[in-house]
């Protein structure tokens, strides 16, 4: 019985070795067949990773240079070279800096330029500031008609105050009634309607 078991064991061992060699031959055929594709895929992955690392390094350098230019401008707002550098490296940051300088200096012309920028929030805020600084009722009305205006209710109140100064009480009431009931300025508008405008 032992001999029979030994023979069975040897057969099983030969079968497993045969299967192993069969799999090795199949793997070798697969590798030979798709060798170029596999090498191309590995090279592609390496190139993508290298490009991504290069882009990240370049982006970090750009951000650092833009921040340095901004710091220079904060120290010396008249530095034209730093302004050009900041504008070329980060137009958004340049627009924000320009807007803040225009507000600080109450420069309506610079605010007008900021109002023309593609940065929606800066453009919106600058448009309001221009209308408010010029005390222009029509510009405030035009601004308030913009559906997404940030200072919509503030523009209505400001226009109403200008109308009150001109003695146009009914028009001021109409402006104040346009202030949203959910606005933080609703109480101010109500107070002006009841107490400030008679």
Protein backbone atom coordinates (compact mmCIF):
# COMPACT_ATOMS: atom_id res chain seq x y z
CA UNK A 1 0.00 0.00 0.00
CA UNK A 2 2.89 2.28 0.63
CA UNK A 3 4.19 1.84 -2.91
CA UNK A 4 0.79 2.68 -4.31
CA UNK A 5 0.65 5.85 -2.15
CA UNK A 6 4.13 6.80 -3.25
CA UNK A 7 3.19 6.38 -6.90
CA UNK A 8 0.07 8.52 -6.39
CA UNK A 9 2.09 11.15 -4.62
CA UNK A 10 4.67 11.23 -7.42
CA UNK A 11 1.86 11.48 -10.01
CA UNK A 12 0.31 14.41 -8.14
CA UNK A 13 3.68 16.07 -7.84
CA UNK A 14 4.31 15.62 -11.57
CA UNK A 15 0.85 16.98 -12.36
CA UNK A 16 1.43 20.04 -10.18
CA UNK A 17 4.86 20.61 -11.77
CA UNK A 18 3.34 20.16 -15.21
CA UNK A 19 0.64 22.71 -14.36
CA UNK A 20 3.28 25.08 -12.99
CA UNK A 21 5.33 24.83 -16.19
CA UNK A 22 2.19 25.19 -18.27
CA UNK A 23 1.31 28.42 -16.42
CA UNK A 24 4.90 29.65 -16.79
CA UNK A 25 4.77 29.04 -20.55
CA UNK A 26 1.41 30.83 -20.79
CA UNK A 27 2.76 33.76 -18.80
CA UNK A 28 5.84 33.91 -21.00
CA UNK A 29 3.65 33.93 -24.13
CA UNK A 30 1.47 36.68 -22.62
CA UNK A 31 4.50 38.79 -21.71
CA UNK A 32 6.03 38.36 -25.18
CA UNK A 33 2.73 39.20 -26.85
CA UNK A 34 2.00 42.31 -24.76
CA UNK A 35 5.55 43.35 -23.90
CA UNK A 36 5.42 46.65 -25.80
CA UNK A 37 2.02 47.55 -24.40
CA UNK A 38 3.15 46.86 -20.84
CA UNK A 39 6.36 48.86 -21.28
CA UNK A 40 4.35 51.70 -22.85
CA UNK A 41 1.92 51.69 -19.94
CA UNK A 42 4.73 51.82 -17.37
CA UNK A 43 6.47 54.63 -19.29
CA UNK A 44 3.14 56.47 -19.57
CA UNK A 45 2.52 56.24 -15.84
CA UNK A 46 6.06 57.45 -15.10
CA UNK A 47 5.62 60.39 -17.50
CA UNK A 48 2.27 61.35 -15.98
CA UNK A 49 3.70 61.24 -12.45
CA UNK A 50 6.77 63.25 -13.53
CA UNK A 51 4.60 65.84 -15.32
CA UNK A 52 2.35 66.15 -12.28
CA UNK A 53 5.33 66.66 -9.96
CA UNK A 54 6.80 69.22 -12.36
CA UNK A 55 3.49 71.09 -12.58
CA UNK A 56 3.12 71.15 -8.79
CA UNK A 57 6.64 72.51 -8.35
CA UNK A 58 6.04 75.15 -11.02
CA UNK A 59 2.73 76.14 -9.42
CA UNK A 60 4.33 76.44 -5.97
CA UNK A 61 7.08 78.65 -7.43
CA UNK A 62 4.46 80.84 -9.15
CA UNK A 63 2.48 81.21 -5.93
CA UNK A 64 5.61 82.06 -3.94
CA UNK A 65 6.65 84.70 -6.51
CA UNK A 66 3.13 86.20 -6.54
CA UNK A 67 3.10 86.38 -2.74
CA UNK A 68 6.51 88.05 -2.77
CA UNK A 69 5.28 90.63 -5.29
CA UNK A 70 2.20 91.26 -3.13
CA UNK A 71 4.34 91.81 -0.04
CA UNK A 72 6.47 94.26 -2.01
CA UNK A 73 3.33 96.13 -3.11
CA UNK A 74 2.02 96.27 0.44
CA UNK A 75 5.24 97.95 1.50
CA UNK A 76 5.44 100.22 -1.56
CA UNK A 77 2.17 100.52 -3.56
CA UNK A 78 3.97 102.66 -6.16
CA UNK A 79 6.29 99.81 -7.27
CA UNK A 80 5.25 99.37 -10.91
CA UNK A 81 7.54 96.38 -11.47
CA UNK A 82 5.99 94.47 -8.57
CA UNK A 83 2.52 95.34 -9.86
CA UNK A 84 3.35 93.98 -13.32
CA UNK A 85 4.85 90.85 -11.79
CA UNK A 86 1.80 90.26 -9.62
CA UNK A 87 -0.56 90.83 -12.53
CA UNK A 88 1.30 88.35 -14.73
CA UNK A 89 1.59 85.69 -12.02
CA UNK A 90 -1.88 85.97 -10.46
CA UNK A 91 -4.46 88.21 -12.10
CA UNK A 92 -6.99 87.42 -9.35
CA UNK A 93 -4.64 88.49 -6.57
CA UNK A 94 -3.68 91.62 -8.54
CA UNK A 95 -7.37 92.52 -8.98
CA UNK A 96 -7.96 92.09 -5.25
CA UNK A 97 -4.92 94.23 -4.39
CA UNK A 98 -6.00 96.93 -6.88
CA UNK A 99 -9.50 96.96 -5.39
CA UNK A 100 -8.21 97.24 -1.84
CA UNK A 101 -5.90 100.12 -2.83
CA UNK A 102 -8.75 101.90 -4.61
CA UNK A 103 -10.95 101.57 -1.50
CA UNK A 104 -8.13 102.72 0.78
CA UNK A 105 -7.46 105.79 -1.38
CA UNK A 106 -11.13 106.41 -2.29
CA UNK A 107 -9.99 106.43 -5.94
CA UNK A 108 -13.19 106.28 -8.01
CA UNK A 109 -11.31 105.88 -11.30
CA UNK A 110 -9.42 102.87 -9.95
CA UNK A 111 -12.69 101.47 -8.60
CA UNK A 112 -14.16 101.89 -12.08
CA UNK A 113 -11.33 99.76 -13.46
CA UNK A 114 -11.94 97.16 -10.76
CA UNK A 115 -15.63 97.12 -11.70
CA UNK A 116 -14.62 96.00 -15.21
CA UNK A 117 -12.65 92.98 -13.98
CA UNK A 118 -13.69 89.38 -14.61
CA UNK A 119 -13.59 88.58 -10.88
CA UNK A 120 -17.32 88.63 -10.11
CA UNK A 121 -17.16 89.55 -6.41
CA UNK A 122 -14.60 92.30 -6.92
CA UNK A 123 -16.49 93.65 -9.93
CA UNK A 124 -19.75 93.68 -7.97
CA UNK A 125 -18.29 95.37 -4.88
CA UNK A 126 -16.42 97.93 -7.02
CA UNK A 127 -19.60 98.75 -8.98
CA UNK A 128 -21.41 99.48 -5.73
CA UNK A 129 -18.51 101.57 -4.39
CA UNK A 130 -18.38 103.66 -7.58
CA UNK A 131 -22.11 104.40 -7.45
CA UNK A 132 -21.99 105.11 -3.72
CA UNK A 133 -18.89 107.36 -3.89
CA UNK A 134 -20.37 109.37 -6.75
CA UNK A 135 -23.74 109.61 -4.93
CA UNK A 136 -25.30 108.59 -8.25
CA UNK A 137 -28.92 107.53 -7.74
CA UNK A 138 -29.24 106.06 -11.24
CA UNK A 139 -26.07 104.02 -10.83
CA UNK A 140 -27.30 102.76 -7.43
CA UNK A 141 -30.66 101.83 -8.98
CA UNK A 142 -28.94 100.08 -11.85
CA UNK A 143 -26.73 98.18 -9.43
CA UNK A 144 -29.69 97.18 -7.24
CA UNK A 145 -31.53 95.78 -10.26
CA UNK A 146 -28.78 93.20 -10.73
CA UNK A 147 -30.23 89.92 -9.45
CA UNK A 148 -26.96 88.73 -7.88
CA UNK A 149 -25.82 92.06 -6.44
CA UNK A 150 -24.11 91.60 -3.08
CA UNK A 151 -25.08 95.03 -1.71
CA UNK A 152 -28.49 95.15 -3.37
CA UNK A 153 -30.43 96.27 -0.28
CA UNK A 154 -27.67 98.63 0.76
CA UNK A 155 -27.89 100.30 -2.66
CA UNK A 156 -31.66 100.70 -2.21
CA UNK A 157 -31.19 102.35 1.19
CA UNK A 158 -28.39 104.55 -0.13
CA UNK A 159 -30.55 105.65 -3.09
CA UNK A 160 -33.44 106.37 -0.71
CA UNK A 161 -31.20 108.53 1.48
CA UNK A 162 -30.07 110.50 -1.57
CA UNK A 163 -33.71 110.97 -2.60
CA UNK A 164 -34.59 112.15 0.92
CA UNK A 165 -31.85 114.78 0.67
CA UNK A 166 -33.38 115.95 -2.61
CA UNK A 167 -36.83 116.11 -0.99
CA UNK A 168 -38.28 113.27 -3.10
CA UNK A 169 -40.06 111.52 -0.25
CA UNK A 170 -42.44 109.37 -2.31
CA UNK A 171 -39.60 108.02 -4.44
CA UNK A 172 -37.61 107.35 -1.28
CA UNK A 173 -40.56 105.36 0.14
CA UNK A 174 -40.70 103.34 -3.07
CA UNK A 175 -36.97 102.55 -2.81
CA UNK A 176 -37.24 101.58 0.86
CA UNK A 177 -40.16 99.26 0.17
CA UNK A 178 -37.90 97.32 -2.26
CA UNK A 179 -35.63 96.25 0.60
CA UNK A 180 -36.23 92.57 1.31
CA UNK A 181 -38.05 91.74 4.55
CA UNK A 182 -35.37 89.13 5.32
CA UNK A 183 -32.54 91.61 4.81
CA UNK A 184 -30.48 92.81 7.77
CA UNK A 185 -31.35 96.32 6.52
CA UNK A 186 -35.12 95.73 6.71
CA UNK A 187 -35.36 97.41 10.11
CA UNK A 188 -33.31 100.37 8.88
CA UNK A 189 -35.62 100.72 5.87
CA UNK A 190 -38.70 100.52 8.10
CA UNK A 191 -37.27 103.10 10.50
CA UNK A 192 -36.48 105.46 7.63
CA UNK A 193 -39.98 105.01 6.22
CA UNK A 194 -41.65 105.74 9.55
CA UNK A 195 -39.34 108.20 11.24
CA UNK A 196 -36.90 109.60 8.73
CA UNK A 197 -39.29 110.30 5.89
CA UNK A 198 -42.40 112.37 6.59
